[in-house]
Protein backbone atom coordinates (compact mmCIF):
# COMPACT_ATOMS: atom_id res chain seq x y z
CA MET A 1 11.10 -7.10 5.73
CA GLN A 2 14.47 -6.76 7.33
CA GLY A 3 15.21 -3.52 9.23
CA GLU A 4 10.96 -2.76 9.25
CA PRO A 5 9.32 -1.67 12.23
CA TRP A 6 6.18 -2.94 13.17
CA THR A 7 7.84 -6.69 12.94
CA ARG A 8 4.98 -8.40 14.99
CA SER A 9 3.98 -11.32 13.35
CA PRO A 10 1.06 -10.74 11.52
CA SER A 11 -1.89 -13.21 11.64
CA ILE A 12 -5.15 -13.68 9.78
CA MET A 13 -7.85 -12.39 12.42
CA THR A 14 -10.48 -15.71 12.81
CA ARG A 15 -14.28 -15.44 12.66
CA CYS A 16 -15.42 -13.39 15.88
CA CYS A 17 -18.99 -13.57 17.09
CA LEU A 18 -18.75 -10.36 18.18
CA THR A 19 -21.21 -7.97 16.22
CA PHE A 20 -20.12 -4.28 15.35
CA THR A 21 -23.03 -1.69 14.36
CA CYS A 22 -22.19 1.33 11.83
CA CYS A 23 -22.89 5.15 12.20
CA CYS A 24 -25.52 5.61 9.62
CA PRO A 25 -26.81 9.22 9.65
CA THR A 26 -29.61 8.71 7.87
CA LEU A 27 -33.35 8.71 9.80
CA ALA A 28 -34.25 5.48 7.56
CA THR A 29 -32.85 3.15 5.44
CA LEU A 30 -33.92 0.38 2.69
CA MET A 31 -33.07 -2.36 2.16
CA ALA A 32 -31.61 -2.97 -1.49
CA ARG A 33 -30.45 -6.27 -1.91
CA LEU A 34 -28.61 -9.43 -0.32
CA ASN A 35 -24.87 -9.76 -1.46
CA ARG A 36 -22.85 -12.63 -1.90
CA VAL A 37 -22.50 -14.17 1.39
CA GLY A 38 -26.29 -13.18 2.60
CA GLN A 39 -25.67 -9.88 4.31
CA PRO A 40 -29.02 -7.63 4.14
CA VAL A 41 -27.28 -4.64 1.95
CA PHE A 42 -28.89 -0.98 2.52
CA ILE A 43 -28.50 2.07 0.37
CA SER A 44 -28.48 5.46 2.29
CA ARG A 45 -27.97 8.92 0.93
CA PHE A 46 -25.99 11.42 2.26
CA ARG A 47 -26.62 15.05 1.50
CA ILE A 48 -23.38 17.31 1.34
CA LEU A 49 -24.29 20.70 3.56
CA TRP A 50 -22.44 23.09 0.82
CA ASP A 51 -23.42 26.12 3.35
CA GLY A 52 -22.13 24.18 6.45
CA THR A 53 -25.97 24.27 7.47
CA LYS A 54 -27.46 21.26 9.12
CA GLN A 55 -29.96 19.32 6.96
CA ARG A 56 -32.25 16.20 7.08
CA THR A 57 -30.24 13.72 4.91
CA CYS A 58 -32.52 11.88 2.17
CA ASP A 59 -33.69 8.11 1.99
CA LEU A 60 -34.22 5.90 -1.10
CA GLY A 61 -37.37 4.72 0.15
CA SER A 62 -38.98 8.23 0.45
CA PRO A 63 -39.57 9.58 -2.88
CA CYS A 64 -39.92 13.24 -1.75
CA GLY A 65 -36.63 13.28 0.10
CA GLY A 66 -36.84 14.79 3.15
CA GLU A 67 -39.56 16.89 2.47
CA GLU A 68 -41.94 14.35 3.87
CA LEU A 69 -39.88 13.79 6.98
CA ASP A 70 -40.69 17.65 7.63
CA ARG A 71 -44.17 17.49 6.82
CA ASP A 72 -44.36 14.76 9.28
CA THR A 73 -42.42 16.72 12.11
CA GLN A 74 -44.81 19.37 11.35
CA GLU A 75 -47.75 17.24 12.14
CA GLU A 76 -46.23 16.37 15.39
CA SER A 77 -45.22 19.95 15.88
CA GLY A 78 -49.53 20.95 15.25
CA ARG A 79 -50.54 18.23 17.79
CA GLY A 80 -48.47 18.95 20.44
CA ASP A 81 -49.85 22.64 20.08
CA ALA A 82 -53.22 21.30 20.34
CA ARG A 83 -52.12 19.23 23.57
CA GLY A 84 -50.66 22.23 25.11
CA SER A 85 -53.75 24.68 24.45
CA GLU A 86 -56.13 22.19 26.42
CA THR A 87 -53.89 23.78 29.49
CA GLY A 88 -55.06 27.17 30.34
CA ALA A 89 -53.32 30.38 30.20
CA ASP A 90 -53.59 31.02 33.86
CA GLY A 91 -50.76 28.37 34.89
CA GLY A 92 -51.58 25.41 33.16
CA VAL A 93 -54.26 23.49 35.53
CA ASP A 94 -56.54 20.72 33.93
CA ARG A 95 -60.16 21.56 34.33
CA ASP A 96 -62.87 19.31 34.18
CA GLU A 97 -65.89 19.73 31.46
CA ASP A 98 -67.72 22.39 34.15
CA GLY A 99 -64.23 24.72 34.30
CA GLY A 100 -63.79 23.97 37.79
CA ALA A 101 -60.17 23.27 38.28
CA ASP A 102 -59.68 19.38 40.29
CA GLY A 103 -57.57 21.34 42.58
CA GLY A 104 -55.07 18.10 43.34
CA VAL A 105 -57.91 15.75 44.65
CA ILE A 106 -57.90 12.55 42.90
CA ARG A 107 -60.55 11.15 41.05
CA ASP A 108 -62.23 7.88 40.03
CA GLU A 109 -62.64 6.45 36.67
CA ASP A 110 -66.03 8.40 36.54
CA GLY A 111 -64.74 11.83 37.15
CA GLY A 112 -66.01 11.92 40.85
CA VAL A 113 -63.42 11.86 43.88
CA ASP A 114 -62.69 9.03 45.76
CA ARG A 115 -65.00 8.46 48.81
CA ASP A 116 -64.82 6.15 51.47
CA GLU A 117 -67.60 3.39 52.09
CA ASP A 118 -69.48 6.16 54.31
CA GLY A 119 -69.78 8.38 51.32
CA GLY A 120 -67.01 10.85 52.78
CA VAL A 121 -63.67 11.63 51.31
CA ASP A 122 -60.84 9.57 52.76
CA ARG A 123 -59.01 11.88 54.99
CA ASP A 124 -55.98 11.38 56.74
CA GLU A 125 -55.54 12.33 60.89
CA ASP A 126 -54.83 15.74 60.41
CA GLY A 127 -58.05 15.85 58.25
CA GLY A 128 -56.07 16.48 55.03
CA VAL A 129 -57.30 13.72 51.76
CA GLU A 130 -55.51 10.74 51.85
CA PRO A 131 -53.89 9.42 48.88
CA PRO A 132 -55.06 5.48 47.87
CA LEU A 133 -52.31 3.09 48.36
CA ASP A 134 -52.13 -0.01 46.09
CA GLU A 135 -51.43 -3.45 48.70
CA ASP A 136 -47.69 -2.62 48.49
CA GLY A 137 -47.81 0.81 49.84
CA ASP A 138 -47.01 2.21 46.64
CA LEU A 139 -48.87 5.43 45.56
CA GLU A 140 -52.10 4.38 43.03
CA VAL A 141 -52.16 7.19 40.48
CA PRO A 142 -55.34 6.81 38.01
CA ARG A 143 -54.29 8.05 34.37
CA ARG A 144 -56.52 9.68 31.64
CA PRO A 145 -57.45 7.31 28.82
CA ARG A 146 -54.60 8.53 25.68
CA GLN A 147 -55.89 10.01 22.84
CA ARG A 148 -55.98 7.71 20.32
CA LEU A 149 -53.96 9.58 17.29
CA PRO A 150 -55.42 9.62 14.10
CA GLU A 151 -54.42 7.33 11.32
CA ARG A 152 -51.65 9.07 8.24
CA ASP A 153 -52.90 9.01 4.91
CA ARG A 154 -50.04 6.93 3.55
CA ASP A 155 -49.14 3.32 2.97
CA MET A 156 -47.30 0.69 5.91
CA VAL A 157 -43.96 -0.38 4.77
CA TYR A 158 -42.55 -4.14 5.24
CA PRO A 159 -39.44 -4.85 4.39
CA ILE A 160 -39.07 -8.25 3.40
CA ILE A 161 -36.10 -10.48 2.67
CA LEU A 162 -36.92 -12.36 -0.86
CA SER A 163 -34.28 -13.32 -2.41
CA GLN A 164 -30.77 -11.73 -3.62
CA ALA A 165 -30.55 -8.77 -5.82
CA ARG A 166 -30.95 -9.64 -10.02
CA ARG A 167 -28.78 -7.90 -12.18
CA ASP A 168 -31.17 -5.97 -14.08
CA GLU A 169 -32.59 -4.51 -10.24
CA GLU A 170 -29.04 -3.62 -9.94
CA GLU A 171 -28.83 -2.16 -13.44
CA GLU A 172 -31.93 0.16 -12.26
CA ASP A 173 -30.48 1.38 -9.23
CA GLU A 174 -27.43 2.62 -11.04
CA GLU A 175 -29.22 4.28 -14.06
CA GLU A 176 -31.25 6.34 -11.69
CA GLU A 177 -30.99 9.84 -11.63
CA CYS A 178 -29.74 11.51 -8.08
CA PRO A 179 -29.33 15.24 -7.04
CA ARG A 180 -25.71 16.67 -7.45
CA ASP A 181 -25.50 17.16 -3.93
CA VAL A 182 -26.79 13.53 -2.63
CA ILE A 183 -23.76 11.09 -2.35
CA ARG A 184 -25.47 7.19 -2.34
CA ILE A 185 -23.86 4.60 -0.37
CA GLU A 186 -24.61 0.61 -0.48
CA HIS A 187 -23.51 -0.80 3.25
CA THR A 188 -24.41 -2.91 5.72
CA MET A 189 -25.78 -2.32 9.50
CA ALA A 190 -24.07 -4.74 11.94
CA THR A 191 -21.36 -7.39 10.77
CA PRO A 192 -19.19 -9.55 12.73
CA LEU A 193 -15.19 -8.08 13.34
CA GLU A 194 -14.11 -8.89 9.89
CA ASP A 195 -16.92 -7.43 7.82
CA VAL A 196 -16.58 -3.84 9.30
CA GLY A 197 -15.23 -2.17 5.92
CA LYS A 198 -19.11 -3.10 4.64
CA GLN A 199 -20.35 -0.84 7.18
CA VAL A 200 -19.98 3.43 7.46
CA TRP A 201 -17.75 4.45 10.05
CA ARG A 202 -17.65 8.09 11.55
CA GLY A 203 -14.06 8.44 10.28
CA ALA A 204 -14.82 8.28 6.60
CA PHE A 205 -17.54 11.28 7.49
CA LEU A 206 -14.77 13.67 9.04
CA LEU A 207 -12.03 13.08 6.23
CA ALA A 208 -14.91 13.65 3.39
CA ASP A 209 -15.25 17.11 5.18
CA LEU A 210 -11.57 17.80 5.58
CA ILE A 211 -11.74 17.06 1.42
CA LEU A 212 -15.04 19.47 1.10
CA SER A 213 -14.41 22.06 3.08
CA GLN A 214 -10.72 22.26 2.06
CA PRO A 215 -10.87 21.13 -2.44
CA THR A 216 -7.76 23.17 -3.32
CA THR A 217 -5.23 20.95 -0.90
CA PHE A 218 -6.40 17.61 -3.03
CA ARG A 219 -7.15 19.24 -6.62
CA GLY A 220 -5.81 17.44 -9.28
CA ALA A 221 -3.94 15.13 -6.71
CA THR A 222 -3.06 11.58 -7.57
CA VAL A 223 -4.83 9.71 -4.27
CA LEU A 224 -4.31 6.50 -2.25
CA GLU A 225 -6.78 5.13 0.34
CA LEU A 226 -5.79 2.34 2.47
CA GLY A 227 -8.55 0.24 3.70
CA ALA A 228 -11.67 1.90 1.88
CA GLY A 229 -14.78 0.22 3.02
CA THR A 230 -17.89 0.87 1.18
CA GLY A 231 -15.47 3.92 -0.54
CA LEU A 232 -17.14 6.89 0.66
CA THR A 233 -13.97 8.60 1.07
CA SER A 234 -12.75 7.82 -2.21
CA VAL A 235 -16.16 9.10 -3.79
CA VAL A 236 -15.61 11.96 -1.96
CA MET A 237 -11.99 12.57 -2.82
CA ALA A 238 -12.78 11.97 -6.43
CA THR A 239 -14.98 15.11 -6.99
CA VAL A 240 -11.42 17.43 -7.02
CA ALA A 241 -8.85 14.79 -7.22
CA LYS A 242 -7.50 13.65 -10.65
CA THR A 243 -7.03 10.12 -9.65
CA VAL A 244 -8.07 7.83 -6.75
CA TYR A 245 -6.61 4.26 -5.90
CA CYS A 246 -9.38 2.97 -3.64
CA THR A 247 -8.39 0.03 -2.13
CA ASP A 248 -9.29 -2.88 0.21
CA VAL A 249 -9.06 -7.01 0.51
CA GLY A 250 -12.15 -9.52 0.18
CA GLU A 251 -13.70 -10.04 -3.09
CA ASP A 252 -17.41 -9.27 -1.76
CA LEU A 253 -16.30 -5.96 -0.24
CA LEU A 254 -14.48 -4.46 -3.17
CA SER A 255 -17.41 -5.79 -5.50
CA MET A 256 -19.57 -3.45 -3.14
CA CYS A 257 -17.07 -0.41 -3.03
CA GLN A 258 -17.46 -0.64 -7.04
CA LYS A 259 -21.09 -0.54 -6.86
CA ASN A 260 -20.62 2.81 -4.87
CA VAL A 261 -18.40 4.43 -7.40
CA THR A 262 -20.54 4.06 -10.30
CA LEU A 263 -23.69 4.93 -7.99
CA ASN A 264 -21.52 8.30 -7.64
CA ARG A 265 -20.70 9.06 -11.17
CA HIS A 266 -22.99 12.05 -10.99
CA LEU A 267 -20.50 13.54 -8.46
CA MET A 268 -17.45 12.59 -10.09
CA GLU A 269 -17.88 12.54 -13.83
CA PRO A 270 -18.13 16.83 -13.73
CA ALA A 271 -14.80 17.43 -12.27
CA GLY A 272 -13.27 14.33 -14.38
CA GLY A 273 -11.67 12.78 -11.02
CA LYS A 274 -11.52 8.75 -11.60
CA VAL A 275 -11.79 6.01 -8.64
CA ARG A 276 -9.79 3.05 -9.46
CA VAL A 277 -10.81 -0.01 -7.19
CA ARG A 278 -7.86 -2.41 -6.33
CA LEU A 279 -7.09 -4.73 -4.54
CA LEU A 280 -4.24 -3.89 -1.55
CA ASP A 281 -3.35 -6.35 1.30
CA TRP A 282 -1.26 -4.66 4.03
CA LEU A 283 -0.15 -8.37 5.02
CA ARG A 284 1.36 -8.84 1.73
CA HIS A 285 4.69 -7.13 0.24
CA ASP A 286 3.63 -7.08 -3.31
CA LEU A 287 0.74 -5.38 -5.18
CA CYS A 288 -1.23 -7.95 -7.15
CA THR A 289 -0.34 -7.59 -10.76
CA ASP A 290 -2.28 -10.73 -11.71
CA ALA A 291 -3.53 -10.04 -14.86
CA ASP A 292 -6.87 -12.80 -13.79
CA ALA A 293 -7.31 -10.61 -10.78
CA GLU A 294 -10.58 -8.50 -10.75
CA PHE A 295 -9.29 -5.69 -8.94
CA GLY A 296 -5.89 -6.10 -9.98
CA TRP A 297 -3.46 -3.86 -10.88
CA THR A 298 -1.75 -2.87 -14.15
CA GLU A 299 1.62 -2.34 -14.38
CA ASP A 300 0.94 1.37 -16.05
CA GLU A 301 -0.94 1.71 -12.33
CA VAL A 302 1.85 0.60 -10.32
CA ALA A 303 3.96 3.05 -12.13
CA ASP A 304 1.32 6.12 -11.81
CA LEU A 305 0.89 5.21 -8.30
CA HIS A 306 4.83 5.34 -7.23
CA ASP A 307 5.54 8.41 -9.89
CA ASN A 308 2.67 10.56 -8.85
CA THR A 309 0.87 9.93 -5.59
CA THR A 310 1.26 12.71 -3.24
CA ILE A 311 -1.50 11.92 -0.94
CA ILE A 312 -2.86 9.25 0.67
CA ILE A 313 -5.73 8.70 3.17
CA ALA A 314 -7.06 6.59 5.86
CA ALA A 315 -10.30 6.12 7.77
CA ASP A 316 -11.09 4.92 10.85
CA VAL A 317 -8.88 1.25 10.22
CA CYS A 318 -6.77 0.71 13.48
CA TYR A 319 -9.01 -1.46 15.89
CA ASP A 320 -6.67 -4.66 15.54
CA ASP A 321 -3.11 -4.15 16.99
CA ASP A 322 -2.22 -6.73 14.25
CA LEU A 323 -3.39 -4.87 11.55
CA THR A 324 -2.18 -1.35 12.58
CA ASP A 325 0.69 -2.85 12.73
CA ALA A 326 0.86 -4.16 8.99
CA LEU A 327 -1.12 -0.79 7.90
CA PHE A 328 2.34 0.66 9.54
CA ARG A 329 4.53 -1.31 7.69
CA THR A 330 2.43 -0.76 4.38
CA LEU A 331 2.24 2.65 4.84
CA TYR A 332 6.52 3.18 5.54
CA ARG A 333 6.93 0.40 2.38
CA ILE A 334 4.79 2.73 -0.02
CA CYS A 335 6.25 6.09 0.99
CA ASN A 336 9.71 4.83 0.55
CA ASN A 337 8.87 3.91 -3.04
CA LEU A 338 7.21 7.39 -4.00
CA ARG A 339 9.11 9.61 -6.32
CA LEU A 340 7.53 12.58 -4.32
CA PRO A 341 6.60 13.81 -0.86
CA CYS A 342 3.58 12.44 0.25
CA THR A 343 0.75 13.96 3.59
CA THR A 344 -1.16 10.80 4.69
CA TYR A 345 -4.36 12.11 6.92
CA LEU A 346 -5.58 9.33 9.05
CA SER A 347 -9.05 9.76 10.98
CA ILE A 348 -9.52 7.52 14.24
CA GLU A 349 -12.33 7.42 16.66
CA LYS A 350 -10.83 6.65 20.20
CA ARG A 351 -12.97 4.24 21.62
CA LEU A 352 -13.34 3.44 25.72
CA ASN A 353 -13.71 -0.19 26.81
CA PHE A 354 -13.69 -1.74 30.15
CA THR A 355 -11.07 -4.23 30.04
CA LEU A 356 -11.02 -6.88 32.70
CA ARG A 357 -6.85 -7.04 32.16
CA HIS A 358 -6.72 -3.59 33.33
CA MET A 359 -10.15 -3.74 35.52
CA ASP A 360 -10.33 -0.10 33.91
CA ILE A 361 -11.81 1.81 30.99
CA SER A 362 -9.26 1.73 28.50
CA CYS A 363 -8.42 2.58 24.76
CA GLU A 364 -5.82 0.00 23.62
CA ALA A 365 -6.41 0.40 19.76
CA TYR A 366 -5.85 3.87 20.19
CA ASP A 367 -2.74 3.95 22.28
CA HIS A 368 -1.66 1.29 20.34
CA PHE A 369 -2.08 3.50 17.25
CA ARG A 370 -0.29 6.26 19.01
CA HIS A 371 2.41 4.25 19.63
CA CYS A 372 3.30 3.09 16.08
CA LEU A 373 2.99 7.24 15.18
CA CYS A 374 5.63 8.18 17.60
CA GLU A 375 7.95 5.26 16.41
CA MET A 376 7.37 6.06 12.33
CA GLN A 377 8.02 10.10 13.63
CA GLU A 378 11.57 8.78 15.56
CA LEU A 379 12.63 6.16 12.27
CA ARG A 380 16.27 7.66 11.15
CA GLU A 381 16.51 4.59 8.46
CA GLY A 382 15.17 4.38 5.22
CA ARG A 383 15.08 7.07 2.32
CA THR A 384 12.47 8.88 3.91
CA CYS A 385 12.00 11.48 6.83
CA PHE A 386 8.01 11.46 8.76
CA THR A 387 6.65 14.36 10.56
CA VAL A 388 3.16 13.44 12.63
CA GLU A 389 1.39 16.45 13.80
CA GLN A 390 -2.52 16.15 14.80
CA VAL A 391 -5.01 18.15 12.87
CA THR A 392 -7.88 20.07 14.71
CA PRO A 393 -11.15 19.23 13.48
CA SER A 394 -12.13 22.86 13.14
CA PHE A 395 -13.22 22.96 9.34
CA PRO A 396 -16.99 23.10 8.85
CA GLN A 397 -18.99 19.78 8.73
CA CYS A 398 -20.30 18.93 5.12
CA LEU A 399 -22.13 15.76 6.27
CA LEU A 400 -25.20 15.05 8.51
CA TYR A 401 -22.95 12.98 11.60
CA GLU A 402 -22.22 13.34 15.17
CA ARG A 403 -18.82 14.72 15.33
CA ILE A 404 -17.65 13.42 18.88
CA GLU A 405 -14.91 14.58 20.65
CA GLN A 406 -13.27 11.40 20.45
CA LEU A 407 -13.11 11.55 16.43
CA GLU A 408 -9.18 12.82 16.15
CA LEU A 409 -7.37 12.73 12.58
CA TRP A 410 -3.78 12.63 12.28
CA LYS A 411 -1.21 14.59 9.20
CA VAL A 412 1.95 11.91 8.47
CA THR A 413 4.35 13.84 6.18
CA ALA A 414 6.97 12.12 4.24
CA VAL A 415 9.68 13.66 2.40
CA PRO A 416 12.51 11.74 0.78
CA VAL A 417 15.99 12.66 2.04
């Protein structure tokens, strides 16, 4: 596009051997099925902490949710108290069966004091007890046998991959009742670079926190999410917004996203919000309006997007310079076509990497993201004026995850000139 910034020639990313692992805050997950490309798919449940207090998240494999996890913790605590009671109140000195303190003398396996061949205790030249050493001269410390813990009255779980999920099994998962404050998300655990959208990332939770803690900002809005991945943030947005266009690329990823929308109807239906999963490729200059495409746009949806969108969101999507350039080109093009002023929220995690080129720790993807933000704010061409500011994440944490200091939130305001 002539005169458009970020004009580095985009190239489709080739398959990468690197594996990226997501941040999943649930204590355990259950493998639900294999996706169309044979990757294990898991279901996690994330509990919304409406009161801002941290709770345990429940898992699909635990019929009683977090209660069983809490009970296990109590059992471990009880055993710890019992072990702690073995030490006396006089300072915790371990005593023998006759009540006498060991006094620091090293004993043999039968409980007796180590003695030399003449029956005396091994002593050094000063008359002190000589510690036993091994052949390398290291101190040899006899250890007490570890107490065997009682077996728990529960069945062991052995996850076995049998086959891809059948259609009737998927329908049963969709019909399963879920509490009002629980989000169910299908996702993978580790993927090559090209499939990172199938994982759950901290940036999605940060944006979800913003939505849950400031619902009036998004209530009744028409929202576009770029690079939605599993669709977690779009699902949360639909609890307050009117319409959410949840967009990404790849048939398998969009199918997973659509499945997550269906799994969370219990959250969206009371508020009347709708999520429409659609294809939006940052490397293309137009929207897919092919009637035969499963996730294509209708003419009415394109018109609704341009006439009514006031919020755009993107969660942790800047990890490759070419794709970051494509994101900002797409953002620039869409904002110039919108009838109303628009606010964009971008979350990003500053990832530190050691590079051979610099022989030092750097954040190249983050640095390029910041460079693109600066270029966007300095733009004076076109019909839109952009303002960029960083948002301090001081709002309450409504989901259980580690909100590290490297997580950042940026706000871009687009106003027609």
